[in-house]
């Protein structure tokens, strides 16, 4: 992993203590981080549609505000970023041709 990629990853993973509270906080979950040094966390904070911090419930607690939505994970697994973006163009094209001629 390049130095820049590692730096960006660490900045997005470290808990922050900014003045602005999170819009949403997920707690008591089993969050896969993708970081070999810390493969799992229990909480994360989201602000403006982006994950701004990930860590333990205690580390993320300061990011709660009066309007923060708190979601209880109940120990469930969270795996961010899975997206199956592959497709079979030829199969889709053949089906489209069949649908158009029916």
C-alpha atoms as a PDB file:
ATOM      1  CA  UNK A   1       0.000   0.000   0.000  1.00  0.00           C
ATOM      2  CA  UNK A   2       1.448   3.388  -0.933  1.00  0.00           C
ATOM      3  CA  UNK A   3       2.192   5.979   1.718  1.00  0.00           C
ATOM      4  CA  UNK A   4      -0.564   8.294   0.446  1.00  0.00           C
ATOM      5  CA  UNK A   5      -3.166   5.515   0.431  1.00  0.00           C
ATOM      6  CA  UNK A   6      -2.110   4.468   3.938  1.00  0.00           C
ATOM      7  CA  UNK A   7      -2.325   8.062   5.192  1.00  0.00           C
ATOM      8  CA  UNK A   8      -5.794   8.554   3.716  1.00  0.00           C
ATOM      9  CA  UNK A   9      -6.958   5.241   5.198  1.00  0.00           C
ATOM     10  CA  UNK A  10      -5.666   6.140   8.664  1.00  0.00           C
ATOM     11  CA  UNK A  11      -7.230   9.611   8.550  1.00  0.00           C
ATOM     12  CA  UNK A  12     -10.621   8.179   7.680  1.00  0.00           C
ATOM     13  CA  UNK A  13     -10.362   5.489  10.367  1.00  0.00           C
ATOM     14  CA  UNK A  14      -9.229   7.586  13.331  1.00  0.00           C
ATOM     15  CA  UNK A  15     -11.887   8.906  15.697  1.00  0.00           C
ATOM     16  CA  UNK A  16     -12.240  12.668  15.505  1.00  0.00           C
ATOM     17  CA  UNK A  17     -13.346  15.165  18.103  1.00  0.00           C
ATOM     18  CA  UNK A  18     -14.628  17.975  15.920  1.00  0.00           C
ATOM     19  CA  UNK A  19     -17.113  20.563  17.126  1.00  0.00           C
ATOM     20  CA  UNK A  20     -19.704  19.320  14.653  1.00  0.00           C
ATOM     21  CA  UNK A  21     -21.620  16.250  15.895  1.00  0.00           C
ATOM     22  CA  UNK A  22     -22.295  13.249  13.689  1.00  0.00           C
ATOM     23  CA  UNK A  23     -25.588  12.881  11.850  1.00  0.00           C
ATOM     24  CA  UNK A  24     -25.683   9.156  12.605  1.00  0.00           C
ATOM     25  CA  UNK A  25     -23.827   6.907  15.032  1.00  0.00           C
ATOM     26  CA  UNK A  26     -23.860   3.112  14.858  1.00  0.00           C
ATOM     27  CA  UNK A  27     -22.955   1.406  18.145  1.00  0.00           C
ATOM     28  CA  UNK A  28     -22.663  -2.140  19.493  1.00  0.00           C
ATOM     29  CA  UNK A  29     -21.920  -3.632  16.089  1.00  0.00           C
ATOM     30  CA  UNK A  30     -19.180  -5.867  14.705  1.00  0.00           C
ATOM     31  CA  UNK A  31     -17.674  -3.591  12.032  1.00  0.00           C
ATOM     32  CA  UNK A  32     -15.048  -4.963   9.653  1.00  0.00           C
ATOM     33  CA  UNK A  33     -12.491  -2.197   9.071  1.00  0.00           C
ATOM     34  CA  UNK A  34     -10.159  -3.715   6.480  1.00  0.00           C
ATOM     35  CA  UNK A  35      -7.233  -2.631   8.681  1.00  0.00           C
ATOM     36  CA  UNK A  36      -5.008  -5.584   9.693  1.00  0.00           C
ATOM     37  CA  UNK A  37      -3.855  -3.664  12.783  1.00  0.00           C
ATOM     38  CA  UNK A  38      -7.464  -3.211  13.940  1.00  0.00           C
ATOM     39  CA  UNK A  39      -9.697  -5.566  11.951  1.00  0.00           C
ATOM     40  CA  UNK A  40     -12.855  -4.926  13.951  1.00  0.00           C
ATOM     41  CA  UNK A  41     -14.530  -1.979  15.665  1.00  0.00           C
ATOM     42  CA  UNK A  42     -17.842  -1.616  17.474  1.00  0.00           C
ATOM     43  CA  UNK A  43     -18.985   1.865  16.439  1.00  0.00           C
ATOM     44  CA  UNK A  44     -18.850   4.381  13.622  1.00  0.00           C
ATOM     45  CA  UNK A  45     -19.984   7.953  13.023  1.00  0.00           C
ATOM     46  CA  UNK A  46     -21.434   9.410   9.809  1.00  0.00           C
ATOM     47  CA  UNK A  47     -21.619  13.087   8.902  1.00  0.00           C
ATOM     48  CA  UNK A  48     -22.972  14.412   5.592  1.00  0.00           C
ATOM     49  CA  UNK A  49     -23.169  10.894   4.167  1.00  0.00           C
ATOM     50  CA  UNK A  50     -19.534   9.986   4.915  1.00  0.00           C
ATOM     51  CA  UNK A  51     -17.988   7.854   7.624  1.00  0.00           C
ATOM     52  CA  UNK A  52     -15.960  10.312   9.693  1.00  0.00           C
ATOM     53  CA  UNK A  53     -14.807   8.032  12.512  1.00  0.00           C
ATOM     54  CA  UNK A  54     -14.669   4.391  13.469  1.00  0.00           C
ATOM     55  CA  UNK A  55     -13.655   2.880  16.789  1.00  0.00           C
ATOM     56  CA  UNK A  56     -15.034   1.612  20.065  1.00  0.00           C
ATOM     57  CA  UNK A  57     -18.382   2.770  21.461  1.00  0.00           C
ATOM     58  CA  UNK A  58     -16.479   4.951  23.971  1.00  0.00           C
ATOM     59  CA  UNK A  59     -14.281   6.518  21.261  1.00  0.00           C
ATOM     60  CA  UNK A  60     -17.295   7.451  19.132  1.00  0.00           C
ATOM     61  CA  UNK A  61     -19.499   8.671  22.031  1.00  0.00           C
ATOM     62  CA  UNK A  62     -18.102  12.258  21.953  1.00  0.00           C
ATOM     63  CA  UNK A  63     -19.390  12.623  18.377  1.00  0.00           C
ATOM     64  CA  UNK A  64     -23.021  12.280  19.496  1.00  0.00           C
ATOM     65  CA  UNK A  65     -25.089  15.425  19.509  1.00  0.00           C
ATOM     66  CA  UNK A  66     -28.688  16.243  20.426  1.00  0.00           C
ATOM     67  CA  UNK A  67     -29.859  15.564  16.848  1.00  0.00           C
ATOM     68  CA  UNK A  68     -27.631  12.534  16.187  1.00  0.00           C
ATOM     69  CA  UNK A  69     -29.535   9.409  15.181  1.00  0.00           C
ATOM     70  CA  UNK A  70     -28.156   6.482  17.179  1.00  0.00           C
ATOM     71  CA  UNK A  71     -28.552   3.029  15.652  1.00  0.00           C
ATOM     72  CA  UNK A  72     -28.094   0.011  17.909  1.00  0.00           C
ATOM     73  CA  UNK A  73     -26.192  -2.691  16.000  1.00  0.00           C
ATOM     74  CA  UNK A  74     -27.081  -5.468  18.481  1.00  0.00           C
ATOM     75  CA  UNK A  75     -23.837  -7.272  17.698  1.00  0.00           C
ATOM     76  CA  UNK A  76     -24.578  -7.632  13.996  1.00  0.00           C
ATOM     77  CA  UNK A  77     -21.809  -7.664  11.391  1.00  0.00           C
ATOM     78  CA  UNK A  78     -21.222  -4.537   9.255  1.00  0.00           C
ATOM     79  CA  UNK A  79     -19.109  -4.840   6.116  1.00  0.00           C
ATOM     80  CA  UNK A  80     -18.760  -1.523   4.281  1.00  0.00           C
ATOM     81  CA  UNK A  81     -18.332  -1.071   0.573  1.00  0.00           C
ATOM     82  CA  UNK A  82     -19.469  -4.359  -0.927  1.00  0.00           C
ATOM     83  CA  UNK A  83     -20.768  -3.755  -4.418  1.00  0.00           C
ATOM     84  CA  UNK A  84     -21.181  -6.455  -7.047  1.00  0.00           C
ATOM     85  CA  UNK A  85     -20.667  -4.329 -10.145  1.00  0.00           C
ATOM     86  CA  UNK A  86     -20.031  -7.052 -12.685  1.00  0.00           C
ATOM     87  CA  UNK A  87     -22.529  -7.911 -15.386  1.00  0.00           C
ATOM     88  CA  UNK A  88     -22.894 -10.198 -18.371  1.00  0.00           C
ATOM     89  CA  UNK A  89     -23.561  -7.872 -21.277  1.00  0.00           C
ATOM     90  CA  UNK A  90     -24.122 -10.599 -23.856  1.00  0.00           C
ATOM     91  CA  UNK A  91     -26.749 -12.327 -21.715  1.00  0.00           C
ATOM     92  CA  UNK A  92     -28.530  -9.034 -21.047  1.00  0.00           C
ATOM     93  CA  UNK A  93     -28.458  -8.168 -24.744  1.00  0.00           C
ATOM     94  CA  UNK A  94     -29.877 -11.541 -25.735  1.00  0.00           C
ATOM     95  CA  UNK A  95     -32.694 -11.243 -23.191  1.00  0.00           C
ATOM     96  CA  UNK A  96     -33.455  -7.714 -24.362  1.00  0.00           C
ATOM     97  CA  UNK A  97     -33.694  -8.973 -27.951  1.00  0.00           C
ATOM     98  CA  UNK A  98     -36.124 -11.722 -26.884  1.00  0.00           C
ATOM     99  CA  UNK A  99     -38.281  -9.254 -24.933  1.00  0.00           C
ATOM    100  CA  UNK A 100     -38.457  -6.867 -27.887  1.00  0.00           C
ATOM    101  CA  UNK A 101     -39.554  -9.555 -30.368  1.00  0.00           C
ATOM    102  CA  UNK A 102     -42.235 -11.119 -28.139  1.00  0.00           C
END
